[in-house]
Each structure stands twice: as C-alpha cells, then as structure tokens.
Amino acid sequence: MKLFSIIRILLLIVFLFSVTACSPIFENNYDVLARQALFDLMKVQEVYRIKHNKYTKELAQLLKYDLKYHSGIVYIEIISAGRDDYRAISLPAESATARVFVYDTSNGGFYEADEVEVSKYVLGSLNFIRSEKEKQKTNTLLITTLLGFLVIMGFRFTYSYKGEGNNSALVSYFISLLPLGWAVAALNILTSDIVFSSKIKTFSLTAITLSLASIFITSRWLKQKTPLIAPTPLLGLAGCTFFTSITSLGVVAYTLYKYYPS
C-alpha cells in the first residue's frame, strides 16, 4: 500500500476519533449556566471596582448590581478579593461532570480548573464522576477501533476494485462512515442535560444528509450493476453501506427526537 494511502487512512481515523470523542460539543446545560454565571460576576465586579475602587468578597453586595444567577442550580463563591485582584469560582450545585470554572486576576484571568483544583470543590461525587468518564473513554476507544477497522477495510476494497464503474460504491461507503461516527458519539454522550447547541444541530443534520446521500448513491450504483457484473465482495460492501447509513440515520433521528422533541 502506498504511503499516500496510509496517510489518508490515518487522517480519516483521526477525524473519526475526533467525532466520537468531541466532548466540547456535548456540553452539560448546568456547566453552561455555571460558566455564564461567572462571566456575569466578572462584569459586575468591574462595575463595583469603578464605584468603590476595589473588588468585593461579598456576593450579596454584587446582587445589588443586578447580578442574576440560579442560586439553586449554580454555586458561586468569591474566594478572595482586594484592591487590585480577586479569585472566584463557579460550578453546578450538583456537578455531574466535575467541571469548575475559575476567574483569578493573578493567574491569567478566566480558566477551567484542572483535576487537582477540582478536588478542592467537588468532593463526594468526584470518584463517581471519574469512573463514569473512564467508562466513556473506554467506549470511545472501542468505537474508534471499530471505525478504524472499517476505514482500513474500505481502503483495501479501493485498492482492489477502484475503477470499472465501482468508484461511486466505494465513495458511498466512506461517506457512510462519517455519519456513523457522529451517531455513535451521540449515542454514547447525548443526554437530556446536554445543551442543544448549533454545533449539535449542524452535525446532526449533516449526518442525516450524508446518510441519505450514501443510500442514494449506493442505490444508483446497484441499478447500474447487475449481480452478474458486480464483484460479490463489492456487493457485500454495498450491503454494509446500506446498513451503516440506515443505522446512522435511525440513531441520529432517535436521539434528536428523544432528547429534543420540540
């Protein structure tokens, strides 16, 4: 197999891995609220500093400046405050992801806490959250391995059967792998607590479109090729394309309907 083909395989595997492990796309609703609450606090602190020539450690004083957050959902604490600097944190009141957001003027401003810092604020549920993340990582690794095998199989078919009117079937197979990667990612990560962002909507609609396109291209190829002309292994590949496309289409449609019926 030529070096260029190997590079293409590796690039496609990396892309599929990035799809199945794209946790930044799947953001928990309460994490989004906590982060926004800290951003709001940062703005109000600047207003307070202009008026009083210092930052405040008392959250109650900032509420007077129209700081609004869901106190039963989001936990905010101003750890320290002085004339020129302050440190504040925010996180969901019942964190399900162990994400803690920090604003520290002496440490570069806004950032997300690492695991060492998180352990200071998320205690009882941290071990459970870690175990759940490990399960998710294991699922992602297994799924990516499977997708990598499918990619390699596709390139082997390309090497053996390219040309002779078979290219559309081969292209359709590779197209079907992209929505498959998104479908397994959605099935593995998506819950009712995940924010239905524009990214999720775009990826889901793209996956549905690609699945339909793959089905259409494969159907046209089968009409042009009779079983007597088409190689038997390639017919099997077309069947695999149909299966992955229909499965991906069903999974994406099901998850959208289940978690975002409106």
C-alpha atoms as a PDB file:
ATOM      1  CA  MET A   1       0.000   0.000   0.000  1.00  0.00           C
ATOM      2  CA  LYS A   2       1.406   3.373  -0.989  1.00  0.00           C
ATOM      3  CA  LEU A   3       2.482   5.959   1.596  1.00  0.00           C
ATOM      4  CA  PHE A   4      -0.196   8.400   0.400  1.00  0.00           C
ATOM      5  CA  SER A   5      -2.928   5.818   1.037  1.00  0.00           C
ATOM      6  CA  ILE A   6      -1.574   5.164   4.526  1.00  0.00           C
ATOM      7  CA  ILE A   7      -1.633   8.893   5.279  1.00  0.00           C
ATOM      8  CA  ARG A   8      -5.247   9.117   4.086  1.00  0.00           C
ATOM      9  CA  ILE A   9      -6.195   6.209   6.340  1.00  0.00           C
ATOM     10  CA  LEU A  10      -4.552   7.839   9.349  1.00  0.00           C
ATOM     11  CA  LEU A  11      -6.194  11.205   8.674  1.00  0.00           C
ATOM     12  CA  LEU A  12      -9.637   9.634   8.378  1.00  0.00           C
ATOM     13  CA  ILE A  13      -9.127   7.633  11.578  1.00  0.00           C
ATOM     14  CA  VAL A  14      -8.068  10.797  13.417  1.00  0.00           C
ATOM     15  CA  PHE A  15     -11.150  12.607  12.114  1.00  0.00           C
ATOM     16  CA  LEU A  16     -13.468   9.803  13.212  1.00  0.00           C
ATOM     17  CA  PHE A  17     -11.801   9.722  16.620  1.00  0.00           C
ATOM     18  CA  SER A  18     -12.321  13.479  16.968  1.00  0.00           C
ATOM     19  CA  VAL A  19     -16.018  12.998  16.184  1.00  0.00           C
ATOM     20  CA  THR A  20     -16.545  10.175  18.673  1.00  0.00           C
ATOM     21  CA  ALA A  21     -14.625  11.983  21.421  1.00  0.00           C
ATOM     22  CA  CYS A  22     -15.905  15.517  20.860  1.00  0.00           C
ATOM     23  CA  SER A  23     -16.956  16.263  24.435  1.00  0.00           C
ATOM     24  CA  PRO A  24     -16.571  20.061  23.941  1.00  0.00           C
ATOM     25  CA  ILE A  25     -19.528  19.839  21.558  1.00  0.00           C
ATOM     26  CA  PHE A  26     -21.658  17.944  24.072  1.00  0.00           C
ATOM     27  CA  GLU A  27     -21.843  20.464  26.913  1.00  0.00           C
ATOM     28  CA  ASN A  28     -23.919  19.860  30.026  1.00  0.00           C
ATOM     29  CA  ASN A  29     -26.607  22.502  30.480  1.00  0.00           C
ATOM     30  CA  TYR A  30     -25.640  23.148  34.107  1.00  0.00           C
ATOM     31  CA  ASP A  31     -21.978  23.650  33.169  1.00  0.00           C
ATOM     32  CA  VAL A  32     -23.039  26.268  30.623  1.00  0.00           C
ATOM     33  CA  LEU A  33     -25.122  28.046  33.282  1.00  0.00           C
ATOM     34  CA  ALA A  34     -22.229  27.966  35.765  1.00  0.00           C
ATOM     35  CA  ARG A  35     -19.766  29.381  33.258  1.00  0.00           C
ATOM     36  CA  GLN A  36     -22.161  32.147  32.226  1.00  0.00           C
ATOM     37  CA  ALA A  37     -22.818  32.994  35.884  1.00  0.00           C
ATOM     38  CA  LEU A  38     -19.077  33.503  36.403  1.00  0.00           C
ATOM     39  CA  PHE A  39     -18.875  35.695  33.292  1.00  0.00           C
ATOM     40  CA  ASP A  40     -21.730  37.808  34.685  1.00  0.00           C
ATOM     41  CA  LEU A  41     -19.967  38.077  38.035  1.00  0.00           C
ATOM     42  CA  MET A  42     -16.789  39.250  36.306  1.00  0.00           C
ATOM     43  CA  LYS A  43     -18.673  42.099  34.622  1.00  0.00           C
ATOM     44  CA  VAL A  44     -20.363  43.173  37.852  1.00  0.00           C
ATOM     45  CA  GLN A  45     -17.061  43.081  39.761  1.00  0.00           C
ATOM     46  CA  GLU A  46     -15.645  45.637  37.331  1.00  0.00           C
ATOM     47  CA  VAL A  47     -18.679  47.858  37.860  1.00  0.00           C
ATOM     48  CA  TYR A  48     -18.217  47.544  41.633  1.00  0.00           C
ATOM     49  CA  ARG A  49     -14.496  48.333  41.378  1.00  0.00           C
ATOM     50  CA  ILE A  50     -15.116  51.518  39.383  1.00  0.00           C
ATOM     51  CA  LYS A  51     -17.505  52.741  42.062  1.00  0.00           C
ATOM     52  CA  HIS A  52     -15.604  51.602  45.187  1.00  0.00           C
ATOM     53  CA  ASN A  53     -12.003  51.424  43.915  1.00  0.00           C
ATOM     54  CA  LYS A  54     -11.695  47.764  44.984  1.00  0.00           C
ATOM     55  CA  TYR A  55     -13.186  44.345  44.399  1.00  0.00           C
ATOM     56  CA  THR A  56     -15.587  42.767  46.861  1.00  0.00           C
ATOM     57  CA  LYS A  57     -15.562  39.366  48.515  1.00  0.00           C
ATOM     58  CA  GLU A  58     -19.217  39.571  49.465  1.00  0.00           C
ATOM     59  CA  LEU A  59     -21.530  38.124  46.836  1.00  0.00           C
ATOM     60  CA  ALA A  60     -24.501  39.879  48.437  1.00  0.00           C
ATOM     61  CA  GLN A  61     -23.033  43.262  47.546  1.00  0.00           C
ATOM     62  CA  LEU A  62     -22.902  42.314  43.872  1.00  0.00           C
ATOM     63  CA  LEU A  63     -26.545  41.246  43.856  1.00  0.00           C
ATOM     64  CA  LYS A  64     -27.388  44.928  44.250  1.00  0.00           C
ATOM     65  CA  TYR A  65     -25.836  45.467  40.810  1.00  0.00           C
ATOM     66  CA  ASP A  66     -28.303  43.153  39.118  1.00  0.00           C
ATOM     67  CA  LEU A  67     -26.174  40.001  39.257  1.00  0.00           C
ATOM     68  CA  LYS A  68     -28.607  37.212  38.444  1.00  0.00           C
ATOM     69  CA  TYR A  69     -27.907  33.513  38.577  1.00  0.00           C
ATOM     70  CA  HIS A  70     -29.797  30.359  39.553  1.00  0.00           C
ATOM     71  CA  SER A  71     -28.663  30.032  43.145  1.00  0.00           C
ATOM     72  CA  GLY A  72     -30.266  26.614  43.480  1.00  0.00           C
ATOM     73  CA  ILE A  73     -28.509  25.326  40.366  1.00  0.00           C
ATOM     74  CA  VAL A  74     -25.207  27.230  40.250  1.00  0.00           C
ATOM     75  CA  TYR A  75     -22.755  27.607  43.121  1.00  0.00           C
ATOM     76  CA  ILE A  76     -20.639  30.778  43.091  1.00  0.00           C
ATOM     77  CA  GLU A  77     -18.034  31.783  45.620  1.00  0.00           C
ATOM     78  CA  ILE A  78     -15.628  34.723  45.718  1.00  0.00           C
ATOM     79  CA  ILE A  79     -12.625  33.107  47.380  1.00  0.00           C
ATOM     80  CA  SER A  80     -10.660  36.300  47.927  1.00  0.00           C
ATOM     81  CA  ALA A  81     -10.791  39.936  46.894  1.00  0.00           C
ATOM     82  CA  GLY A  82      -8.634  43.022  47.334  1.00  0.00           C
ATOM     83  CA  ARG A  83      -7.879  46.356  45.788  1.00  0.00           C
ATOM     84  CA  ASP A  84      -6.400  45.034  42.535  1.00  0.00           C
ATOM     85  CA  ASP A  85      -7.226  41.342  42.376  1.00  0.00           C
ATOM     86  CA  TYR A  86      -9.784  38.697  43.243  1.00  0.00           C
ATOM     87  CA  ARG A  87     -10.465  35.000  42.791  1.00  0.00           C
ATOM     88  CA  ALA A  88     -13.904  33.480  42.187  1.00  0.00           C
ATOM     89  CA  ILE A  89     -15.221  30.048  41.227  1.00  0.00           C
ATOM     90  CA  SER A  90     -18.467  28.699  39.857  1.00  0.00           C
ATOM     91  CA  LEU A  91     -19.790  25.199  39.283  1.00  0.00           C
ATOM     92  CA  PRO A  92     -23.153  23.431  39.175  1.00  0.00           C
ATOM     93  CA  ALA A  93     -24.642  22.969  42.639  1.00  0.00           C
ATOM     94  CA  GLU A  94     -24.767  19.226  41.913  1.00  0.00           C
ATOM     95  CA  SER A  95     -21.943  18.684  39.449  1.00  0.00           C
ATOM     96  CA  ALA A  96     -22.346  15.720  37.134  1.00  0.00           C
ATOM     97  CA  THR A  97     -19.171  16.402  35.149  1.00  0.00           C
ATOM     98  CA  ALA A  98     -16.685  17.726  37.750  1.00  0.00           C
ATOM     99  CA  ARG A  99     -16.095  20.944  35.820  1.00  0.00           C
ATOM    100  CA  VAL A 100     -15.139  24.018  37.865  1.00  0.00           C
ATOM    101  CA  PHE A 101     -14.728  27.474  36.313  1.00  0.00           C
ATOM    102  CA  VAL A 102     -12.320  29.953  37.845  1.00  0.00           C
ATOM    103  CA  TYR A 103     -11.559  33.638  37.446  1.00  0.00           C
ATOM    104  CA  ASP A 104      -8.301  34.663  39.093  1.00  0.00           C
ATOM    105  CA  THR A 105      -6.738  38.015  38.231  1.00  0.00           C
ATOM    106  CA  SER A 106      -3.330  36.803  39.470  1.00  0.00           C
ATOM    107  CA  ASN A 107      -3.469  33.599  37.403  1.00  0.00           C
ATOM    108  CA  GLY A 108      -4.258  34.817  33.913  1.00  0.00           C
ATOM    109  CA  GLY A 109      -7.979  35.514  34.316  1.00  0.00           C
ATOM    110  CA  PHE A 110     -10.661  33.013  33.351  1.00  0.00           C
ATOM    111  CA  TYR A 111      -9.813  29.315  33.045  1.00  0.00           C
ATOM    112  CA  GLU A 112     -11.242  25.873  33.738  1.00  0.00           C
ATOM    113  CA  ALA A 113      -9.795  24.142  36.802  1.00  0.00           C
ATOM    114  CA  ASP A 114      -7.673  21.038  36.370  1.00  0.00           C
ATOM    115  CA  GLU A 115      -8.309  17.837  38.305  1.00  0.00           C
ATOM    116  CA  VAL A 116      -6.121  18.901  41.236  1.00  0.00           C
ATOM    117  CA  GLU A 117      -8.112  22.100  41.742  1.00  0.00           C
ATOM    118  CA  VAL A 118     -11.420  20.386  41.060  1.00  0.00           C
ATOM    119  CA  SER A 119     -10.861  18.047  44.006  1.00  0.00           C
ATOM    120  CA  LYS A 120     -10.951  21.077  46.318  1.00  0.00           C
ATOM    121  CA  TYR A 121     -14.501  21.932  45.343  1.00  0.00           C
ATOM    122  CA  VAL A 122     -16.111  18.712  44.111  1.00  0.00           C
ATOM    123  CA  LEU A 123     -15.717  16.093  46.800  1.00  0.00           C
ATOM    124  CA  GLY A 124     -18.305  13.354  47.314  1.00  0.00           C
ATOM    125  CA  SER A 125     -19.222  12.803  43.683  1.00  0.00           C
ATOM    126  CA  LEU A 126     -15.716  13.143  42.213  1.00  0.00           C
ATOM    127  CA  ASN A 127     -14.845   9.427  42.300  1.00  0.00           C
ATOM    128  CA  PHE A 128     -18.172   8.512  40.705  1.00  0.00           C
ATOM    129  CA  ILE A 129     -17.681  11.151  38.004  1.00  0.00           C
ATOM    130  CA  ARG A 130     -14.174   9.861  37.325  1.00  0.00           C
ATOM    131  CA  SER A 131     -15.427   6.289  36.939  1.00  0.00           C
ATOM    132  CA  GLU A 132     -18.144   7.443  34.535  1.00  0.00           C
ATOM    133  CA  LYS A 133     -15.566   9.348  32.472  1.00  0.00           C
ATOM    134  CA  GLU A 134     -13.352   6.252  32.337  1.00  0.00           C
ATOM    135  CA  LYS A 135     -16.272   4.196  31.042  1.00  0.00           C
ATOM    136  CA  GLN A 136     -16.924   6.846  28.408  1.00  0.00           C
ATOM    137  CA  LYS A 137     -13.242   6.841  27.387  1.00  0.00           C
ATOM    138  CA  THR A 138     -13.307   3.051  27.102  1.00  0.00           C
ATOM    139  CA  ASN A 139     -16.408   3.190  24.910  1.00  0.00           C
ATOM    140  CA  THR A 140     -14.773   5.858  22.752  1.00  0.00           C
ATOM    141  CA  LEU A 141     -11.628   3.740  22.330  1.00  0.00           C
ATOM    142  CA  LEU A 142     -13.619   0.647  21.327  1.00  0.00           C
ATOM    143  CA  ILE A 143     -15.777   2.616  18.896  1.00  0.00           C
ATOM    144  CA  THR A 144     -12.758   4.317  17.346  1.00  0.00           C
ATOM    145  CA  THR A 145     -11.016   0.966  16.943  1.00  0.00           C
ATOM    146  CA  LEU A 146     -14.057  -0.394  15.130  1.00  0.00           C
ATOM    147  CA  LEU A 147     -14.262   2.667  12.889  1.00  0.00           C
ATOM    148  CA  GLY A 148     -10.551   2.429  12.177  1.00  0.00           C
ATOM    149  CA  PHE A 149     -11.015  -1.187  11.082  1.00  0.00           C
ATOM    150  CA  LEU A 150     -13.861  -0.128   8.776  1.00  0.00           C
ATOM    151  CA  VAL A 151     -11.673   2.600   7.266  1.00  0.00           C
ATOM    152  CA  ILE A 152      -8.831   0.163   6.597  1.00  0.00           C
ATOM    153  CA  MET A 153     -11.272  -2.311   5.075  1.00  0.00           C
ATOM    154  CA  GLY A 154     -12.601   0.435   2.801  1.00  0.00           C
ATOM    155  CA  PHE A 155      -9.138   1.317   1.542  1.00  0.00           C
ATOM    156  CA  ARG A 156      -8.389  -2.350   0.882  1.00  0.00           C
ATOM    157  CA  PHE A 157     -11.540  -2.533  -1.245  1.00  0.00           C
ATOM    158  CA  THR A 158     -10.469   0.679  -3.002  1.00  0.00           C
ATOM    159  CA  TYR A 159      -7.080  -0.821  -3.809  1.00  0.00           C
ATOM    160  CA  SER A 160      -8.690  -3.982  -5.264  1.00  0.00           C
ATOM    161  CA  TYR A 161     -11.809  -2.660  -7.040  1.00  0.00           C
ATOM    162  CA  LYS A 162     -11.258   1.003  -7.941  1.00  0.00           C
ATOM    163  CA  GLY A 163     -12.287   1.980 -11.465  1.00  0.00           C
ATOM    164  CA  GLU A 164     -14.538  -0.062 -13.756  1.00  0.00           C
ATOM    165  CA  GLY A 165     -17.621   1.856 -12.592  1.00  0.00           C
ATOM    166  CA  ASN A 166     -17.087   0.905  -8.928  1.00  0.00           C
ATOM    167  CA  ASN A 167     -15.871   4.264  -7.622  1.00  0.00           C
ATOM    168  CA  SER A 168     -19.328   5.529  -6.668  1.00  0.00           C
ATOM    169  CA  ALA A 169     -19.892   2.472  -4.455  1.00  0.00           C
ATOM    170  CA  LEU A 170     -16.519   2.964  -2.796  1.00  0.00           C
ATOM    171  CA  VAL A 171     -17.068   6.691  -2.239  1.00  0.00           C
ATOM    172  CA  SER A 172     -20.519   5.993  -0.827  1.00  0.00           C
ATOM    173  CA  TYR A 173     -19.015   3.575   1.694  1.00  0.00           C
ATOM    174  CA  PHE A 174     -16.587   6.198   3.006  1.00  0.00           C
ATOM    175  CA  ILE A 175     -19.364   8.781   3.154  1.00  0.00           C
ATOM    176  CA  SER A 176     -21.429   6.421   5.326  1.00  0.00           C
ATOM    177  CA  LEU A 177     -18.621   6.215   7.919  1.00  0.00           C
ATOM    178  CA  LEU A 178     -18.833   9.922   8.734  1.00  0.00           C
ATOM    179  CA  PRO A 179     -22.462   9.913   9.985  1.00  0.00           C
ATOM    180  CA  LEU A 180     -21.723   6.577  11.682  1.00  0.00           C
ATOM    181  CA  GLY A 181     -19.009   8.280  13.738  1.00  0.00           C
ATOM    182  CA  TRP A 182     -21.398  11.045  14.748  1.00  0.00           C
ATOM    183  CA  ALA A 183     -24.200   8.580  15.515  1.00  0.00           C
ATOM    184  CA  VAL A 184     -22.125   6.518  17.943  1.00  0.00           C
ATOM    185  CA  ALA A 185     -20.840   9.722  19.578  1.00  0.00           C
ATOM    186  CA  ALA A 186     -24.414  10.951  20.106  1.00  0.00           C
ATOM    187  CA  LEU A 187     -25.497   7.553  21.420  1.00  0.00           C
ATOM    188  CA  ASN A 188     -22.554   7.452  23.819  1.00  0.00           C
ATOM    189  CA  ILE A 189     -22.677  11.021  25.143  1.00  0.00           C
ATOM    190  CA  LEU A 190     -26.017  12.682  24.416  1.00  0.00           C
ATOM    191  CA  THR A 191     -28.466  13.071  27.322  1.00  0.00           C
ATOM    192  CA  SER A 192     -31.320  15.385  28.199  1.00  0.00           C
ATOM    193  CA  ASP A 193     -28.847  17.541  30.176  1.00  0.00           C
ATOM    194  CA  ILE A 194     -26.738  18.305  27.099  1.00  0.00           C
ATOM    195  CA  VAL A 195     -27.366  21.728  25.576  1.00  0.00           C
ATOM    196  CA  PHE A 196     -28.851  21.540  22.076  1.00  0.00           C
ATOM    197  CA  SER A 197     -26.267  23.871  20.567  1.00  0.00           C
ATOM    198  CA  SER A 198     -25.954  24.998  16.967  1.00  0.00           C
ATOM    199  CA  LYS A 199     -22.970  22.644  16.626  1.00  0.00           C
ATOM    200  CA  ILE A 200     -25.047  19.603  17.594  1.00  0.00           C
ATOM    201  CA  LYS A 201     -27.817  20.687  15.251  1.00  0.00           C
ATOM    202  CA  THR A 202     -25.384  21.220  12.371  1.00  0.00           C
ATOM    203  CA  PHE A 203     -23.568  17.913  12.895  1.00  0.00           C
ATOM    204  CA  SER A 204     -26.839  16.010  13.232  1.00  0.00           C
ATOM    205  CA  LEU A 205     -28.400  17.494  10.092  1.00  0.00           C
ATOM    206  CA  THR A 206     -25.154  16.891   8.203  1.00  0.00           C
ATOM    207  CA  ALA A 207     -25.086  13.269   9.368  1.00  0.00           C
ATOM    208  CA  ILE A 208     -28.677  12.738   8.233  1.00  0.00           C
ATOM    209  CA  THR A 209     -27.920  14.343   4.857  1.00  0.00           C
ATOM    210  CA  LEU A 210     -24.790  12.233   4.339  1.00  0.00           C
ATOM    211  CA  SER A 211     -26.653   9.043   5.270  1.00  0.00           C
ATOM    212  CA  LEU A 212     -29.381   9.788   2.732  1.00  0.00           C
ATOM    213  CA  ALA A 213     -26.761  10.682   0.117  1.00  0.00           C
ATOM    214  CA  SER A 214     -24.914   7.437   0.762  1.00  0.00           C
ATOM    215  CA  ILE A 215     -28.111   5.405   0.387  1.00  0.00           C
ATOM    216  CA  PHE A 216     -28.982   7.233  -2.836  1.00  0.00           C
ATOM    217  CA  ILE A 217     -25.505   6.790  -4.394  1.00  0.00           C
ATOM    218  CA  THR A 218     -25.372   3.103  -3.497  1.00  0.00           C
ATOM    219  CA  SER A 219     -28.886   2.514  -4.863  1.00  0.00           C
ATOM    220  CA  ARG A 220     -27.932   4.122  -8.189  1.00  0.00           C
ATOM    221  CA  TRP A 221     -24.789   2.008  -8.391  1.00  0.00           C
ATOM    222  CA  LEU A 222     -26.766  -1.188  -7.773  1.00  0.00           C
ATOM    223  CA  LYS A 223     -29.208  -0.269 -10.526  1.00  0.00           C
ATOM    224  CA  GLN A 224     -26.326   0.188 -12.939  1.00  0.00           C
ATOM    225  CA  LYS A 225     -24.603  -3.034 -11.859  1.00  0.00           C
ATOM    226  CA  THR A 226     -26.334  -6.382 -12.088  1.00  0.00           C
ATOM    227  CA  PRO A 227     -25.286  -9.142  -9.653  1.00  0.00           C
ATOM    228  CA  LEU A 228     -23.635 -10.905 -12.617  1.00  0.00           C
ATOM    229  CA  ILE A 229     -21.359  -7.923 -13.337  1.00  0.00           C
ATOM    230  CA  ALA A 230     -20.607  -6.536  -9.863  1.00  0.00           C
ATOM    231  CA  PRO A 231     -17.962  -8.445  -7.864  1.00  0.00           C
ATOM    232  CA  THR A 232     -19.511 -10.343  -4.968  1.00  0.00           C
ATOM    233  CA  PRO A 233     -17.262  -8.692  -2.307  1.00  0.00           C
ATOM    234  CA  LEU A 234     -18.308  -5.274  -3.611  1.00  0.00           C
ATOM    235  CA  LEU A 235     -21.966  -6.238  -3.288  1.00  0.00           C
ATOM    236  CA  GLY A 236     -21.217  -7.111   0.318  1.00  0.00           C
ATOM    237  CA  LEU A 237     -19.614  -3.698   0.764  1.00  0.00           C
ATOM    238  CA  ALA A 238     -22.748  -2.075  -0.692  1.00  0.00           C
ATOM    239  CA  GLY A 239     -24.825  -4.014   1.843  1.00  0.00           C
ATOM    240  CA  CYS A 240     -22.544  -2.747   4.616  1.00  0.00           C
ATOM    241  CA  THR A 241     -23.023   0.798   3.311  1.00  0.00           C
ATOM    242  CA  PHE A 242     -26.790   0.404   3.413  1.00  0.00           C
ATOM    243  CA  PHE A 243     -26.628  -0.978   6.952  1.00  0.00           C
ATOM    244  CA  THR A 244     -24.359   1.747   8.355  1.00  0.00           C
ATOM    245  CA  SER A 245     -26.288   4.531   6.602  1.00  0.00           C
ATOM    246  CA  ILE A 246     -29.706   3.341   7.747  1.00  0.00           C
ATOM    247  CA  THR A 247     -28.405   2.675  11.275  1.00  0.00           C
ATOM    248  CA  SER A 248     -26.776   6.111  11.496  1.00  0.00           C
ATOM    249  CA  LEU A 249     -29.906   7.784  10.164  1.00  0.00           C
ATOM    250  CA  GLY A 250     -32.079   5.980  12.683  1.00  0.00           C
ATOM    251  CA  VAL A 251     -29.795   6.617  15.653  1.00  0.00           C
ATOM    252  CA  VAL A 252     -29.401  10.346  14.969  1.00  0.00           C
ATOM    253  CA  ALA A 253     -33.138  10.806  14.351  1.00  0.00           C
ATOM    254  CA  TYR A 254     -33.962   8.804  17.503  1.00  0.00           C
ATOM    255  CA  THR A 255     -31.598  10.748  19.763  1.00  0.00           C
ATOM    256  CA  LEU A 256     -32.851  14.102  18.459  1.00  0.00           C
ATOM    257  CA  TYR A 257     -36.463  13.047  18.957  1.00  0.00           C
ATOM    258  CA  LYS A 258     -35.781  11.588  22.416  1.00  0.00           C
ATOM    259  CA  TYR A 259     -33.815  14.494  23.879  1.00  0.00           C
ATOM    260  CA  TYR A 260     -35.014  17.461  21.816  1.00  0.00           C
ATOM    261  CA  PRO A 261     -38.587  16.647  20.686  1.00  0.00           C
ATOM    262  CA  SER A 262     -39.518  20.314  20.271  1.00  0.00           C
END
